Amino acid sequence: MIIDNGDKVVFETREVSDNQFNFHSTTEAISELNWDYVYPLSGPVYINGAEPGDTLAVEILDLKTNAGDGRRFYLI
């Protein structure tokens, strides 16, 4: 994805562990994590005019889960 400085972007993605964790998970679940199902949030995102070494400011305007199943997150 290529955007311009100041653009707003909406990402819809599943929870990063692909539902291997839930509200009842304990710290012991981390040792059982199947890393084959772990993935980055979203991207890459390229910003027109940005150069390697530039510092970029990102403002997260909203973050919410899908109330229906709790497995999807929206980052605006």
Protein backbone atom coordinates (compact mmCIF):
# COMPACT_ATOMS: atom_id res chain seq x y z
CA MET A 1 0.00 0.00 0.00
CA ILE A 2 1.32 3.44 -0.90
CA ILE A 3 -0.12 6.49 0.85
CA ASP A 4 0.58 10.21 1.10
CA ASN A 5 1.57 12.08 4.25
CA GLY A 6 -1.58 12.79 6.27
CA ASP A 7 -3.69 10.01 4.74
CA LYS A 8 -5.95 7.99 7.04
CA VAL A 9 -5.77 4.21 6.69
CA VAL A 10 -8.07 1.54 8.13
CA PHE A 11 -6.71 -1.95 8.81
CA GLU A 12 -8.96 -4.91 9.55
CA THR A 13 -7.11 -7.93 10.84
CA ARG A 14 -7.48 -10.99 13.00
CA GLU A 15 -5.92 -11.17 16.44
CA VAL A 16 -2.16 -11.72 15.99
CA SER A 17 -2.02 -15.24 17.49
CA ASP A 18 -4.89 -16.35 15.21
CA ASN A 19 -7.10 -17.04 18.24
CA GLN A 20 -4.60 -19.21 20.10
CA PHE A 21 -5.23 -16.95 23.12
CA ASN A 22 -8.54 -15.93 24.63
CA PHE A 23 -9.79 -14.20 27.78
CA HIS A 24 -9.27 -17.41 29.78
CA SER A 25 -5.66 -18.01 28.65
CA THR A 26 -2.90 -18.00 31.24
CA THR A 27 0.80 -17.27 30.84
CA GLU A 28 1.34 -21.02 30.33
CA ALA A 29 -0.39 -20.72 26.95
CA ILE A 30 2.62 -18.77 25.65
CA SER A 31 4.80 -21.89 25.79
CA GLU A 32 2.23 -23.72 23.65
CA LEU A 33 2.00 -20.99 21.01
CA ASN A 34 2.25 -22.30 17.44
CA TRP A 35 4.45 -19.66 15.79
CA ASP A 36 3.38 -20.84 12.32
CA TYR A 37 0.09 -18.98 12.88
CA VAL A 38 1.56 -15.73 14.23
CA TYR A 39 1.68 -12.87 11.71
CA PRO A 40 2.31 -9.11 11.69
CA LEU A 41 -0.60 -6.70 12.04
CA SER A 42 -0.73 -5.33 8.49
CA GLY A 43 1.54 -3.86 5.92
CA PRO A 44 3.84 -2.91 4.54
CA VAL A 45 2.71 0.68 4.13
CA TYR A 46 4.89 3.02 2.09
CA ILE A 47 4.58 6.79 2.55
CA ASN A 48 5.33 8.90 -0.51
CA GLY A 49 8.36 11.09 0.15
CA ALA A 50 9.59 9.14 3.19
CA GLU A 51 13.24 8.11 3.02
CA PRO A 52 15.20 5.44 4.92
CA GLY A 53 16.21 6.91 8.28
CA ASP A 54 13.27 9.34 8.46
CA THR A 55 11.32 9.41 11.71
CA LEU A 56 7.59 9.04 11.11
CA ALA A 57 4.79 10.00 13.49
CA VAL A 58 1.75 7.71 13.51
CA GLU A 59 -1.46 8.65 15.29
CA ILE A 60 -3.87 5.83 16.19
CA LEU A 61 -7.32 7.40 16.08
CA ASP A 62 -9.31 4.35 17.13
CA LEU A 63 -8.78 0.69 18.02
CA LYS A 64 -11.67 -1.68 18.55
CA THR A 65 -12.61 -5.33 18.36
CA ASN A 66 -15.51 -6.82 16.52
CA ALA A 67 -18.03 -7.12 19.35
CA GLY A 68 -19.62 -10.13 17.69
CA ASP A 69 -16.73 -12.56 17.89
CA GLY A 70 -13.81 -10.65 19.45
CA ARG A 71 -11.45 -12.00 16.80
CA ARG A 72 -11.09 -8.99 14.54
CA PHE A 73 -9.48 -5.67 15.33
CA TYR A 74 -9.93 -2.36 13.57
CA LEU A 75 -7.10 0.16 13.60
CA ILE A 76 -7.96 3.62 12.27
